């Protein structure tokens, strides 16, 4: 899955979570749902159509966790969900400096997402 596909779904609602939830809270919600929809946990008397729907739900829950359970992909997803523009610059280490337009007005230093280098925003 590419990052361009991330904002097409609301991964928070799939987990029944909010963007302000901590990683621990997201994990708790993920674990609760994944146990509920896991194919091995389904009863044998469920109709075939419902089995397929539950399997799709299981896959969506797993994808949501893969995106929101990783700090880098969660940050990228959150930035893409925002309506305001965001700016990014590639660091010499290969990482990225990313800041939204609103954040750019409030902060003056931005950290690289992979190393300890900083850049200063001049207004």
PDB file of N, CA and C in Angstrom:
ATOM      1  N   UNK A   1       0.844  -1.180   0.000  1.00  0.00           N
ATOM      2  CA  UNK A   1       0.000   0.000   0.000  1.00  0.00           C
ATOM      3  C   UNK A   1       0.884   1.236   0.000  1.00  0.00           C
ATOM      4  N   UNK A   2       0.610   2.156  -0.872  1.00  0.00           N
ATOM      5  CA  UNK A   2       1.394   3.379  -0.945  1.00  0.00           C
ATOM      6  C   UNK A   2       0.755   4.440  -0.066  1.00  0.00           C
ATOM      7  N   UNK A   3       1.544   5.460   0.261  1.00  0.00           N
ATOM      8  CA  UNK A   3       1.025   6.521   1.116  1.00  0.00           C
ATOM      9  C   UNK A   3      -0.053   7.340   0.424  1.00  0.00           C
ATOM     10  N   UNK A   4      -0.076   7.329  -0.924  1.00  0.00           N
ATOM     11  CA  UNK A   4      -1.112   8.058  -1.637  1.00  0.00           C
ATOM     12  C   UNK A   4      -2.487   7.441  -1.385  1.00  0.00           C
ATOM     13  N   UNK A   5      -2.540   6.158  -1.078  1.00  0.00           N
ATOM     14  CA  UNK A   5      -3.800   5.482  -0.833  1.00  0.00           C
ATOM     15  C   UNK A   5      -4.309   5.690   0.588  1.00  0.00           C
ATOM     16  N   UNK A   6      -3.459   6.173   1.487  1.00  0.00           N
ATOM     17  CA  UNK A   6      -3.817   6.262   2.893  1.00  0.00           C
ATOM     18  C   UNK A   6      -5.057   7.095   3.190  1.00  0.00           C
ATOM     19  N   UNK A   7      -5.206   8.306   2.640  1.00  0.00           N
ATOM     20  CA  UNK A   7      -6.355   9.099   3.044  1.00  0.00           C
ATOM     21  C   UNK A   7      -7.681   8.644   2.434  1.00  0.00           C
ATOM     22  N   UNK A   8      -7.671   7.631   1.575  1.00  0.00           N
ATOM     23  CA  UNK A   8      -8.909   7.177   0.952  1.00  0.00           C
ATOM     24  C   UNK A   8      -9.864   6.533   1.947  1.00  0.00           C
ATOM     25  N   UNK A   9      -9.374   6.059   3.061  1.00  0.00           N
ATOM     26  CA  UNK A   9     -10.204   5.441   4.090  1.00  0.00           C
ATOM     27  C   UNK A   9      -9.927   6.120   5.416  1.00  0.00           C
ATOM     28  N   UNK A  10     -10.916   6.061   6.276  1.00  0.00           N
ATOM     29  CA  UNK A  10     -10.729   6.585   7.626  1.00  0.00           C
ATOM     30  C   UNK A  10     -10.301   5.432   8.519  1.00  0.00           C
ATOM     31  N   UNK A  11      -9.000   5.230   8.642  1.00  0.00           N
ATOM     32  CA  UNK A  11      -8.466   4.103   9.390  1.00  0.00           C
ATOM     33  C   UNK A  11      -8.779   4.207  10.871  1.00  0.00           C
ATOM     34  N   UNK A  12      -8.948   5.422  11.377  1.00  0.00           N
ATOM     35  CA  UNK A  12      -9.329   5.582  12.783  1.00  0.00           C
ATOM     36  C   UNK A  12     -10.718   5.011  13.047  1.00  0.00           C
ATOM     37  N   UNK A  13     -11.667   5.297  12.167  1.00  0.00           N
ATOM     38  CA  UNK A  13     -13.030   4.793  12.385  1.00  0.00           C
ATOM     39  C   UNK A  13     -13.087   3.275  12.263  1.00  0.00           C
ATOM     40  N   UNK A  14     -12.223   2.694  11.432  1.00  0.00           N
ATOM     41  CA  UNK A  14     -12.178   1.233  11.303  1.00  0.00           C
ATOM     42  C   UNK A  14     -11.784   0.604  12.640  1.00  0.00           C
ATOM     43  N   UNK A  15     -10.878   1.262  13.365  1.00  0.00           N
ATOM     44  CA  UNK A  15     -10.484   0.765  14.684  1.00  0.00           C
ATOM     45  C   UNK A  15     -11.385   1.282  15.803  1.00  0.00           C
ATOM     46  N   UNK A  16     -12.330   2.155  15.458  1.00  0.00           N
ATOM     47  CA  UNK A  16     -13.181   2.751  16.491  1.00  0.00           C
ATOM     48  C   UNK A  16     -12.390   3.679  17.382  1.00  0.00           C
ATOM     49  N   UNK A  17     -11.422   4.366  16.795  1.00  0.00           N
ATOM     50  CA  UNK A  17     -10.503   5.219  17.551  1.00  0.00           C
ATOM     51  C   UNK A  17     -10.606   6.669  17.103  1.00  0.00           C
ATOM     52  N   UNK A  18      -9.901   7.516  17.813  1.00  0.00           N
ATOM     53  CA  UNK A  18      -9.812   8.945  17.507  1.00  0.00           C
ATOM     54  C   UNK A  18      -8.348   9.287  17.229  1.00  0.00           C
ATOM     55  N   UNK A  19      -8.096  10.307  16.415  1.00  0.00           N
ATOM     56  CA  UNK A  19      -6.699  10.699  16.153  1.00  0.00           C
ATOM     57  C   UNK A  19      -5.926  11.073  17.418  1.00  0.00           C
ATOM     58  N   UNK A  20      -6.620  11.486  18.452  1.00  0.00           N
ATOM     59  CA  UNK A  20      -5.945  11.867  19.698  1.00  0.00           C
ATOM     60  C   UNK A  20      -5.605  10.673  20.586  1.00  0.00           C
ATOM     61  N   UNK A  21      -6.064   9.462  20.236  1.00  0.00           N
ATOM     62  CA  UNK A  21      -5.771   8.273  21.033  1.00  0.00           C
ATOM     63  C   UNK A  21      -4.277   7.969  21.027  1.00  0.00           C
ATOM     64  N   UNK A  22      -3.787   7.501  22.171  1.00  0.00           N
ATOM     65  CA  UNK A  22      -2.376   7.117  22.266  1.00  0.00           C
ATOM     66  C   UNK A  22      -2.145   5.808  21.526  1.00  0.00           C
ATOM     67  N   UNK A  23      -0.880   5.487  21.303  1.00  0.00           N
ATOM     68  CA  UNK A  23      -0.523   4.233  20.641  1.00  0.00           C
ATOM     69  C   UNK A  23      -1.007   3.033  21.461  1.00  0.00           C
ATOM     70  N   UNK A  24      -0.953   3.145  22.767  1.00  0.00           N
ATOM     71  CA  UNK A  24      -1.424   2.063  23.651  1.00  0.00           C
ATOM     72  C   UNK A  24      -2.924   1.867  23.485  1.00  0.00           C
ATOM     73  N   UNK A  25      -3.672   2.962  23.419  1.00  0.00           N
ATOM     74  CA  UNK A  25      -5.121   2.888  23.233  1.00  0.00           C
ATOM     75  C   UNK A  25      -5.462   2.316  21.852  1.00  0.00           C
ATOM     76  N   UNK A  26      -4.741   2.744  20.825  1.00  0.00           N
ATOM     77  CA  UNK A  26      -4.955   2.198  19.479  1.00  0.00           C
ATOM     78  C   UNK A  26      -4.700   0.690  19.461  1.00  0.00           C
ATOM     79  N   UNK A  27      -3.643   0.273  20.125  1.00  0.00           N
ATOM     80  CA  UNK A  27      -3.306  -1.150  20.156  1.00  0.00           C
ATOM     81  C   UNK A  27      -4.389  -1.950  20.881  1.00  0.00           C
ATOM     82  N   UNK A  28      -4.901  -1.414  21.972  1.00  0.00           N
ATOM     83  CA  UNK A  28      -5.959  -2.088  22.733  1.00  0.00           C
ATOM     84  C   UNK A  28      -7.202  -2.276  21.868  1.00  0.00           C
ATOM     85  N   UNK A  29      -7.581  -1.238  21.130  1.00  0.00           N
ATOM     86  CA  UNK A  29      -8.757  -1.315  20.261  1.00  0.00           C
ATOM     87  C   UNK A  29      -8.530  -2.285  19.111  1.00  0.00           C
ATOM     88  N   UNK A  30      -7.323  -2.269  18.567  1.00  0.00           N
ATOM     89  CA  UNK A  30      -6.972  -3.201  17.494  1.00  0.00           C
ATOM     90  C   UNK A  30      -7.078  -4.644  17.983  1.00  0.00           C
ATOM     91  N   UNK A  31      -6.486  -4.930  19.128  1.00  0.00           N
ATOM     92  CA  UNK A  31      -6.488  -6.293  19.646  1.00  0.00           C
ATOM     93  C   UNK A  31      -7.905  -6.793  19.928  1.00  0.00           C
ATOM     94  N   UNK A  32      -8.742  -5.929  20.447  1.00  0.00           N
ATOM     95  CA  UNK A  32     -10.132  -6.304  20.728  1.00  0.00           C
ATOM     96  C   UNK A  32     -10.856  -6.671  19.433  1.00  0.00           C
ATOM     97  N   UNK A  33     -10.694  -5.839  18.397  1.00  0.00           N
ATOM     98  CA  UNK A  33     -11.372  -6.091  17.125  1.00  0.00           C
ATOM     99  C   UNK A  33     -10.795  -7.279  16.372  1.00  0.00           C
ATOM    100  N   UNK A  34      -9.497  -7.438  16.398  1.00  0.00           N
ATOM    101  CA  UNK A  34      -8.871  -8.517  15.638  1.00  0.00           C
ATOM    102  C   UNK A  34      -9.278  -9.873  16.211  1.00  0.00           C
ATOM    103  N   UNK A  35      -9.448  -9.947  17.521  1.00  0.00           N
ATOM    104  CA  UNK A  35      -9.936 -11.197  18.123  1.00  0.00           C
ATOM    105  C   UNK A  35     -11.395 -11.462  17.758  1.00  0.00           C
ATOM    106  N   UNK A  36     -12.170 -10.411  17.680  1.00  0.00           N
ATOM    107  CA  UNK A  36     -13.587 -10.552  17.345  1.00  0.00           C
ATOM    108  C   UNK A  36     -13.791 -11.034  15.912  1.00  0.00           C
ATOM    109  N   UNK A  37     -12.971 -10.556  14.979  1.00  0.00           N
ATOM    110  CA  UNK A  37     -13.149 -10.871  13.557  1.00  0.00           C
ATOM    111  C   UNK A  37     -12.159 -11.901  13.011  1.00  0.00           C
ATOM    112  N   UNK A  38     -11.294 -12.450  13.851  1.00  0.00           N
ATOM    113  CA  UNK A  38     -10.304 -13.414  13.369  1.00  0.00           C
ATOM    114  C   UNK A  38     -11.011 -14.646  12.786  1.00  0.00           C
ATOM    115  N   UNK A  39     -10.580 -15.118  11.613  1.00  0.00           N
ATOM    116  CA  UNK A  39     -11.245 -16.262  10.966  1.00  0.00           C
ATOM    117  C   UNK A  39     -11.283 -17.523  11.840  1.00  0.00           C
ATOM    118  N   UNK A  40     -10.278 -17.739  12.648  1.00  0.00           N
ATOM    119  CA  UNK A  40     -10.251 -18.924  13.513  1.00  0.00           C
ATOM    120  C   UNK A  40     -11.243 -18.825  14.675  1.00  0.00           C
ATOM    121  N   UNK A  41     -11.732 -17.645  14.963  1.00  0.00           N
ATOM    122  CA  UNK A  41     -12.657 -17.440  16.081  1.00  0.00           C
ATOM    123  C   UNK A  41     -14.120 -17.473  15.649  1.00  0.00           C
ATOM    124  N   UNK A  42     -14.393 -17.660  14.365  1.00  0.00           N
ATOM    125  CA  UNK A  42     -15.762 -17.652  13.855  1.00  0.00           C
ATOM    126  C   UNK A  42     -16.430 -19.006  14.085  1.00  0.00           C
ATOM    127  N   UNK A  43     -17.728 -18.981  14.380  1.00  0.00           N
ATOM    128  CA  UNK A  43     -18.457 -20.237  14.569  1.00  0.00           C
ATOM    129  C   UNK A  43     -18.757 -20.863  13.209  1.00  0.00           C
ATOM    130  N   UNK A  44     -18.988 -22.165  13.204  1.00  0.00           N
ATOM    131  CA  UNK A  44     -19.175 -22.920  11.956  1.00  0.00           C
ATOM    132  C   UNK A  44     -20.544 -22.693  11.330  1.00  0.00           C
ATOM    133  N   UNK A  45     -21.521 -22.215  12.094  1.00  0.00           N
ATOM    134  CA  UNK A  45     -22.880 -22.071  11.565  1.00  0.00           C
ATOM    135  C   UNK A  45     -23.166 -20.694  10.956  1.00  0.00           C
ATOM    136  N   UNK A  46     -22.122 -19.895  10.705  1.00  0.00           N
ATOM    137  CA  UNK A  46     -22.288 -18.567  10.105  1.00  0.00           C
ATOM    138  C   UNK A  46     -22.457 -18.729   8.594  1.00  0.00           C
ATOM    139  N   UNK A  47     -23.442 -18.027   7.980  1.00  0.00           N
ATOM    140  CA  UNK A  47     -23.633 -18.122   6.520  1.00  0.00           C
ATOM    141  C   UNK A  47     -22.379 -17.682   5.755  1.00  0.00           C
ATOM    142  N   UNK A  48     -22.196 -18.237   4.563  1.00  0.00           N
ATOM    143  CA  UNK A  48     -21.004 -17.983   3.751  1.00  0.00           C
ATOM    144  C   UNK A  48     -20.804 -16.502   3.451  1.00  0.00           C
ATOM    145  N   UNK A  49     -21.888 -15.772   3.152  1.00  0.00           N
ATOM    146  CA  UNK A  49     -21.776 -14.344   2.857  1.00  0.00           C
ATOM    147  C   UNK A  49     -21.258 -13.552   4.035  1.00  0.00           C
ATOM    148  N   UNK A  50     -21.688 -13.937   5.219  1.00  0.00           N
ATOM    149  CA  UNK A  50     -21.230 -13.233   6.417  1.00  0.00           C
ATOM    150  C   UNK A  50     -19.774 -13.576   6.733  1.00  0.00           C
ATOM    151  N   UNK A  51     -19.374 -14.805   6.426  1.00  0.00           N
ATOM    152  CA  UNK A  51     -17.973 -15.196   6.626  1.00  0.00           C
ATOM    153  C   UNK A  51     -17.066 -14.315   5.770  1.00  0.00           C
ATOM    154  N   UNK A  52     -17.461 -14.092   4.509  1.00  0.00           N
ATOM    155  CA  UNK A  52     -16.676 -13.247   3.608  1.00  0.00           C
ATOM    156  C   UNK A  52     -16.631 -11.800   4.112  1.00  0.00           C
ATOM    157  N   UNK A  53     -17.761 -11.290   4.590  1.00  0.00           N
ATOM    158  CA  UNK A  53     -17.807  -9.919   5.109  1.00  0.00           C
ATOM    159  C   UNK A  53     -16.918  -9.782   6.344  1.00  0.00           C
ATOM    160  N   UNK A  54     -16.938 -10.768   7.222  1.00  0.00           N
ATOM    161  CA  UNK A  54     -16.102 -10.737   8.416  1.00  0.00           C
ATOM    162  C   UNK A  54     -14.614 -10.824   8.049  1.00  0.00           C
ATOM    163  N   UNK A  55     -14.308 -11.595   7.015  1.00  0.00           N
ATOM    164  CA  UNK A  55     -12.923 -11.702   6.566  1.00  0.00           C
ATOM    165  C   UNK A  55     -12.431 -10.359   6.018  1.00  0.00           C
ATOM    166  N   UNK A  56     -13.277  -9.671   5.246  1.00  0.00           N
ATOM    167  CA  UNK A  56     -12.918  -8.342   4.727  1.00  0.00           C
ATOM    168  C   UNK A  56     -12.712  -7.353   5.870  1.00  0.00           C
ATOM    169  N   UNK A  57     -13.571  -7.435   6.877  1.00  0.00           N
ATOM    170  CA  UNK A  57     -13.448  -6.558   8.042  1.00  0.00           C
ATOM    171  C   UNK A  57     -12.124  -6.848   8.771  1.00  0.00           C
ATOM    172  N   UNK A  58     -11.790  -8.119   8.909  1.00  0.00           N
ATOM    173  CA  UNK A  58     -10.537  -8.538   9.534  1.00  0.00           C
ATOM    174  C   UNK A  58      -9.342  -7.931   8.791  1.00  0.00           C
ATOM    175  N   UNK A  59      -9.371  -7.983   7.468  1.00  0.00           N
ATOM    176  CA  UNK A  59      -8.288  -7.440   6.643  1.00  0.00           C
ATOM    177  C   UNK A  59      -8.193  -5.926   6.815  1.00  0.00           C
ATOM    178  N   UNK A  60      -9.339  -5.241   6.842  1.00  0.00           N
ATOM    179  CA  UNK A  60      -9.334  -3.783   7.038  1.00  0.00           C
ATOM    180  C   UNK A  60      -8.768  -3.408   8.403  1.00  0.00           C
ATOM    181  N   UNK A  61      -9.144  -4.147   9.428  1.00  0.00           N
ATOM    182  CA  UNK A  61      -8.640  -3.877  10.781  1.00  0.00           C
ATOM    183  C   UNK A  61      -7.129  -4.046  10.805  1.00  0.00           C
ATOM    184  N   UNK A  62      -6.636  -5.091  10.168  1.00  0.00           N
ATOM    185  CA  UNK A  62      -5.201  -5.337  10.114  1.00  0.00           C
ATOM    186  C   UNK A  62      -4.475  -4.214   9.365  1.00  0.00           C
ATOM    187  N   UNK A  63      -5.032  -3.771   8.245  1.00  0.00           N
ATOM    188  CA  UNK A  63      -4.424  -2.652   7.491  1.00  0.00           C
ATOM    189  C   UNK A  63      -4.404  -1.380   8.329  1.00  0.00           C
ATOM    190  N   UNK A  64      -5.512  -1.113   9.021  1.00  0.00           N
ATOM    191  CA  UNK A  64      -5.593   0.086   9.860  1.00  0.00           C
ATOM    192  C   UNK A  64      -4.492   0.066  10.911  1.00  0.00           C
ATOM    193  N   UNK A  65      -4.266  -1.092  11.519  1.00  0.00           N
ATOM    194  CA  UNK A  65      -3.222  -1.186  12.528  1.00  0.00           C
ATOM    195  C   UNK A  65      -1.834  -1.014  11.917  1.00  0.00           C
ATOM    196  N   UNK A  66      -1.621  -1.566  10.726  1.00  0.00           N
ATOM    197  CA  UNK A  66      -0.310  -1.432  10.089  1.00  0.00           C
ATOM    198  C   UNK A  66       0.009   0.034   9.807  1.00  0.00           C
ATOM    199  N   UNK A  67      -0.997   0.831   9.542  1.00  0.00           N
ATOM    200  CA  UNK A  67      -0.798   2.252   9.275  1.00  0.00           C
ATOM    201  C   UNK A  67      -0.697   3.043  10.577  1.00  0.00           C
ATOM    202  N   UNK A  68      -1.636   2.823  11.491  1.00  0.00           N
ATOM    203  CA  UNK A  68      -1.689   3.627  12.706  1.00  0.00           C
ATOM    204  C   UNK A  68      -0.765   3.120  13.810  1.00  0.00           C
ATOM    205  N   UNK A  69      -0.314   1.890  13.722  1.00  0.00           N
ATOM    206  CA  UNK A  69       0.573   1.338  14.736  1.00  0.00           C
ATOM    207  C   UNK A  69       2.031   1.689  14.514  1.00  0.00           C
ATOM    208  N   UNK A  70       2.350   2.264  13.375  1.00  0.00           N
ATOM    209  CA  UNK A  70       3.708   2.676  13.039  1.00  0.00           C
ATOM    210  C   UNK A  70       3.753   4.203  13.097  1.00  0.00           C
ATOM    211  N   UNK A  71       4.662   4.748  13.894  1.00  0.00           N
ATOM    212  CA  UNK A  71       4.701   6.208  14.085  1.00  0.00           C
ATOM    213  C   UNK A  71       4.891   6.979  12.787  1.00  0.00           C
ATOM    214  N   UNK A  72       5.760   6.476  11.904  1.00  0.00           N
ATOM    215  CA  UNK A  72       6.031   7.191  10.656  1.00  0.00           C
ATOM    216  C   UNK A  72       4.812   7.214   9.737  1.00  0.00           C
ATOM    217  N   UNK A  73       4.190   6.051   9.519  1.00  0.00           N
ATOM    218  CA  UNK A  73       3.031   6.016   8.624  1.00  0.00           C
ATOM    219  C   UNK A  73       1.837   6.721   9.243  1.00  0.00           C
ATOM    220  N   UNK A  74       1.719   6.680  10.570  1.00  0.00           N
ATOM    221  CA  UNK A  74       0.625   7.392  11.245  1.00  0.00           C
ATOM    222  C   UNK A  74       0.794   8.901  11.057  1.00  0.00           C
ATOM    223  N   UNK A  75       2.029   9.374  11.220  1.00  0.00           N
ATOM    224  CA  UNK A  75       2.297  10.809  11.049  1.00  0.00           C
ATOM    225  C   UNK A  75       1.980  11.238   9.614  1.00  0.00           C
ATOM    226  N   UNK A  76       2.427  10.449   8.650  1.00  0.00           N
ATOM    227  CA  UNK A  76       2.170  10.759   7.238  1.00  0.00           C
ATOM    228  C   UNK A  76       0.673  10.738   6.938  1.00  0.00           C
ATOM    229  N   UNK A  77      -0.016   9.739   7.460  1.00  0.00           N
ATOM    230  CA  UNK A  77      -1.467   9.633   7.268  1.00  0.00           C
ATOM    231  C   UNK A  77      -2.186  10.831   7.889  1.00  0.00           C
ATOM    232  N   UNK A  78      -1.797  11.195   9.103  1.00  0.00           N
ATOM    233  CA  UNK A  78      -2.431  12.340   9.773  1.00  0.00           C
ATOM    234  C   UNK A  78      -2.210  13.628   8.994  1.00  0.00           C
ATOM    235  N   UNK A  79      -1.007  13.799   8.447  1.00  0.00           N
ATOM    236  CA  UNK A  79      -0.733  15.005   7.655  1.00  0.00           C
ATOM    237  C   UNK A  79      -1.571  15.030   6.377  1.00  0.00           C
ATOM    238  N   UNK A  80      -1.729  13.877   5.734  1.00  0.00           N
ATOM    239  CA  UNK A  80      -2.505  13.819   4.502  1.00  0.00           C
ATOM    240  C   UNK A  80      -3.997  14.006   4.748  1.00  0.00           C
ATOM    241  N   UNK A  81      -4.461  13.692   5.942  1.00  0.00           N
ATOM    242  CA  UNK A  81      -5.877  13.852   6.275  1.00  0.00           C
ATOM    243  C   UNK A  81      -6.249  15.319   6.472  1.00  0.00           C
ATOM    244  N   UNK A  82      -5.279  16.123   6.831  1.00  0.00           N
ATOM    245  CA  UNK A  82      -5.568  17.535   7.100  1.00  0.00           C
ATOM    246  C   UNK A  82      -5.952  18.268   5.831  1.00  0.00           C
ATOM    247  N   UNK A  83      -6.771  19.256   6.010  1.00  0.00           N
ATOM    248  CA  UNK A  83      -7.198  20.056   4.861  1.00  0.00           C
ATOM    249  C   UNK A  83      -6.147  21.069   4.449  1.00  0.00           C
ATOM    250  N   UNK A  84      -5.331  21.503   5.405  1.00  0.00           N
ATOM    251  CA  UNK A  84      -4.335  22.512   5.056  1.00  0.00           C
ATOM    252  C   UNK A  84      -3.136  21.868   4.384  1.00  0.00           C
ATOM    253  N   UNK A  85      -2.355  22.686   3.708  1.00  0.00           N
ATOM    254  CA  UNK A  85      -1.205  22.196   2.958  1.00  0.00           C
ATOM    255  C   UNK A  85      -0.074  21.819   3.905  1.00  0.00           C
ATOM    256  N   UNK A  86       0.774  20.947   3.423  1.00  0.00           N
ATOM    257  CA  UNK A  86       1.948  20.619   4.219  1.00  0.00           C
ATOM    258  C   UNK A  86       3.178  20.758   3.349  1.00  0.00           C
ATOM    259  N   UNK A  87       4.273  21.057   4.003  1.00  0.00           N
ATOM    260  CA  UNK A  87       5.537  21.248   3.322  1.00  0.00           C
ATOM    261  C   UNK A  87       6.482  20.138   3.759  1.00  0.00           C
ATOM    262  N   UNK A  88       7.301  19.688   2.833  1.00  0.00           N
ATOM    263  CA  UNK A  88       8.294  18.678   3.203  1.00  0.00           C
ATOM    264  C   UNK A  88       9.586  18.961   2.455  1.00  0.00           C
ATOM    265  N   UNK A  89      10.670  18.514   3.061  1.00  0.00           N
ATOM    266  CA  UNK A  89      12.000  18.692   2.503  1.00  0.00           C
ATOM    267  C   UNK A  89      12.791  17.429   2.831  1.00  0.00           C
ATOM    268  N   UNK A  90      13.509  16.917   1.869  1.00  0.00           N
ATOM    269  CA  UNK A  90      14.320  15.718   2.079  1.00  0.00           C
ATOM    270  C   UNK A  90      15.593  16.101   2.828  1.00  0.00           C
ATOM    271  N   UNK A  91      15.895  15.351   3.844  1.00  0.00           N
ATOM    272  CA  UNK A  91      17.108  15.554   4.643  1.00  0.00           C
ATOM    273  C   UNK A  91      18.289  14.859   3.961  1.00  0.00           C
ATOM    274  N   UNK A  92      19.483  15.262   4.305  1.00  0.00           N
ATOM    275  CA  UNK A  92      20.658  14.629   3.711  1.00  0.00           C
ATOM    276  C   UNK A  92      20.815  13.172   4.133  1.00  0.00           C
ATOM    277  N   UNK A  93      20.135  12.753   5.225  1.00  0.00           N
ATOM    278  CA  UNK A  93      20.191  11.354   5.661  1.00  0.00           C
ATOM    279  C   UNK A  93      19.197  10.485   4.893  1.00  0.00           C
ATOM    280  N   UNK A  94      18.311  11.130   4.123  1.00  0.00           N
ATOM    281  CA  UNK A  94      17.280  10.387   3.394  1.00  0.00           C
ATOM    282  C   UNK A  94      15.912  10.495   4.043  1.00  0.00           C
ATOM    283  N   UNK A  95      15.856  11.014   5.257  1.00  0.00           N
ATOM    284  CA  UNK A  95      14.587  11.217   5.952  1.00  0.00           C
ATOM    285  C   UNK A  95      13.879  12.457   5.425  1.00  0.00           C
ATOM    286  N   UNK A  96      12.809  12.858   6.104  1.00  0.00           N
ATOM    287  CA  UNK A  96      12.049  14.019   5.659  1.00  0.00           C
ATOM    288  C   UNK A  96      11.768  14.969   6.807  1.00  0.00           C
ATOM    289  N   UNK A  97      11.794  16.243   6.484  1.00  0.00           N
ATOM    290  CA  UNK A  97      11.279  17.284   7.361  1.00  0.00           C
ATOM    291  C   UNK A  97       9.862  17.540   6.859  1.00  0.00           C
ATOM    292  N   UNK A  98       8.875  17.405   7.724  1.00  0.00           N
ATOM    293  CA  UNK A  98       7.493  17.617   7.309  1.00  0.00           C
ATOM    294  C   UNK A  98       6.814  18.527   8.310  1.00  0.00           C
ATOM    295  N   UNK A  99       6.115  19.526   7.785  1.00  0.00           N
ATOM    296  CA  UNK A  99       5.397  20.451   8.649  1.00  0.00           C
ATOM    297  C   UNK A  99       4.161  20.944   7.900  1.00  0.00           C
ATOM    298  N   UNK A 100       3.046  21.054   8.610  1.00  0.00           N
ATOM    299  CA  UNK A 100       1.832  21.584   7.990  1.00  0.00           C
ATOM    300  C   UNK A 100       1.925  23.102   7.933  1.00  0.00           C
ATOM    301  N   UNK A 101       1.076  23.710   7.144  1.00  0.00           N
ATOM    302  CA  UNK A 101       1.079  25.164   7.013  1.00  0.00           C
ATOM    303  C   UNK A 101       0.788  25.814   8.368  1.00  0.00           C
ATOM    304  N   UNK A 102      -0.140  25.254   9.105  1.00  0.00           N
ATOM    305  CA  UNK A 102      -0.492  25.797  10.420  1.00  0.00           C
ATOM    306  C   UNK A 102       0.677  25.668  11.390  1.00  0.00           C
ATOM    307  N   UNK A 103       1.328  24.505  11.390  1.00  0.00           N
ATOM    308  CA  UNK A 103       2.480  24.299  12.261  1.00  0.00           C
ATOM    309  C   UNK A 103       3.634  25.226  11.890  1.00  0.00           C
ATOM    310  N   UNK A 104       3.790  25.507  10.602  1.00  0.00           N
ATOM    311  CA  UNK A 104       4.866  26.383  10.144  1.00  0.00           C
ATOM    312  C   UNK A 104       4.716  27.790  10.706  1.00  0.00           C
ATOM    313  N   UNK A 105       3.497  28.214  10.970  1.00  0.00           N
ATOM    314  CA  UNK A 105       3.260  29.532  11.550  1.00  0.00           C
ATOM    315  C   UNK A 105       3.576  29.569  13.037  1.00  0.00           C
ATOM    316  N   UNK A 106       3.533  28.393  13.690  1.00  0.00           N
ATOM    317  CA  UNK A 106       3.703  28.335  15.137  1.00  0.00           C
ATOM    318  C   UNK A 106       5.113  27.955  15.581  1.00  0.00           C
ATOM    319  N   UNK A 107       5.795  27.109  14.805  1.00  0.00           N
ATOM    320  CA  UNK A 107       7.122  26.633  15.217  1.00  0.00           C
ATOM    321  C   UNK A 107       8.206  27.237  14.345  1.00  0.00           C
ATOM    322  N   UNK A 108       9.425  27.231  14.865  1.00  0.00           N
ATOM    323  CA  UNK A 108      10.521  27.758  14.049  1.00  0.00           C
ATOM    324  C   UNK A 108      11.553  26.678  13.726  1.00  0.00           C
ATOM    325  N   UNK A 109      11.560  25.565  14.467  1.00  0.00           N
ATOM    326  CA  UNK A 109      12.486  24.476  14.200  1.00  0.00           C
ATOM    327  C   UNK A 109      11.703  23.206  13.884  1.00  0.00           C
ATOM    328  N   UNK A 110      12.174  22.458  12.879  1.00  0.00           N
ATOM    329  CA  UNK A 110      11.530  21.209  12.476  1.00  0.00           C
ATOM    330  C   UNK A 110      12.589  20.119  12.494  1.00  0.00           C
ATOM    331  N   UNK A 111      12.249  18.986  13.111  1.00  0.00           N
ATOM    332  CA  UNK A 111      13.167  17.847  13.207  1.00  0.00           C
ATOM    333  C   UNK A 111      12.995  16.921  12.015  1.00  0.00           C
ATOM    334  N   UNK A 112      14.087  16.314  11.593  1.00  0.00           N
ATOM    335  CA  UNK A 112      14.043  15.258  10.591  1.00  0.00           C
ATOM    336  C   UNK A 112      13.354  14.055  11.232  1.00  0.00           C
ATOM    337  N   UNK A 113      12.596  13.301  10.435  1.00  0.00           N
ATOM    338  CA  UNK A 113      11.876  12.166  11.006  1.00  0.00           C
ATOM    339  C   UNK A 113      12.751  10.930  11.223  1.00  0.00           C
ATOM    340  N   UNK A 114      14.017  10.961  10.760  1.00  0.00           N
ATOM    341  CA  UNK A 114      14.880   9.792  10.963  1.00  0.00           C
ATOM    342  C   UNK A 114      16.193  10.087  11.673  1.00  0.00           C
ATOM    343  N   UNK A 115      16.642  11.315  11.670  1.00  0.00           N
ATOM    344  CA  UNK A 115      17.915  11.622  12.359  1.00  0.00           C
ATOM    345  C   UNK A 115      17.699  12.804  13.298  1.00  0.00           C
ATOM    346  N   UNK A 116      18.786  13.334  13.844  1.00  0.00           N
ATOM    347  CA  UNK A 116      18.669  14.411  14.826  1.00  0.00           C
ATOM    348  C   UNK A 116      18.862  15.804  14.240  1.00  0.00           C
ATOM    349  N   UNK A 117      18.955  15.927  12.921  1.00  0.00           N
ATOM    350  CA  UNK A 117      19.154  17.224  12.297  1.00  0.00           C
ATOM    351  C   UNK A 117      17.878  18.071  12.386  1.00  0.00           C
ATOM    352  N   UNK A 118      18.071  19.372  12.445  1.00  0.00           N
ATOM    353  CA  UNK A 118      16.969  20.334  12.504  1.00  0.00           C
ATOM    354  C   UNK A 118      17.105  21.345  11.380  1.00  0.00           C
ATOM    355  N   UNK A 119      15.978  21.893  10.960  1.00  0.00           N
ATOM    356  CA  UNK A 119      16.007  23.044  10.056  1.00  0.00           C
ATOM    357  C   UNK A 119      15.220  24.163  10.722  1.00  0.00           C
ATOM    358  N   UNK A 120      15.561  25.382  10.373  1.00  0.00           N
ATOM    359  CA  UNK A 120      14.858  26.541  10.917  1.00  0.00           C
ATOM    360  C   UNK A 120      13.938  27.091   9.842  1.00  0.00           C
ATOM    361  N   UNK A 121      12.718  27.395  10.239  1.00  0.00           N
ATOM    362  CA  UNK A 121      11.753  28.011   9.327  1.00  0.00           C
ATOM    363  C   UNK A 121      11.889  29.522   9.464  1.00  0.00           C
ATOM    364  N   UNK A 122      12.223  30.166   8.359  1.00  0.00           N
ATOM    365  CA  UNK A 122      12.341  31.627   8.352  1.00  0.00           C
ATOM    366  C   UNK A 122      11.091  32.206   7.740  1.00  0.00           C
ATOM    367  N   UNK A 123      10.531  33.195   8.395  1.00  0.00           N
ATOM    368  CA  UNK A 123       9.309  33.823   7.886  1.00  0.00           C
ATOM    369  C   UNK A 123       9.617  35.202   7.362  1.00  0.00           C
TER     370      UNK A 123
END
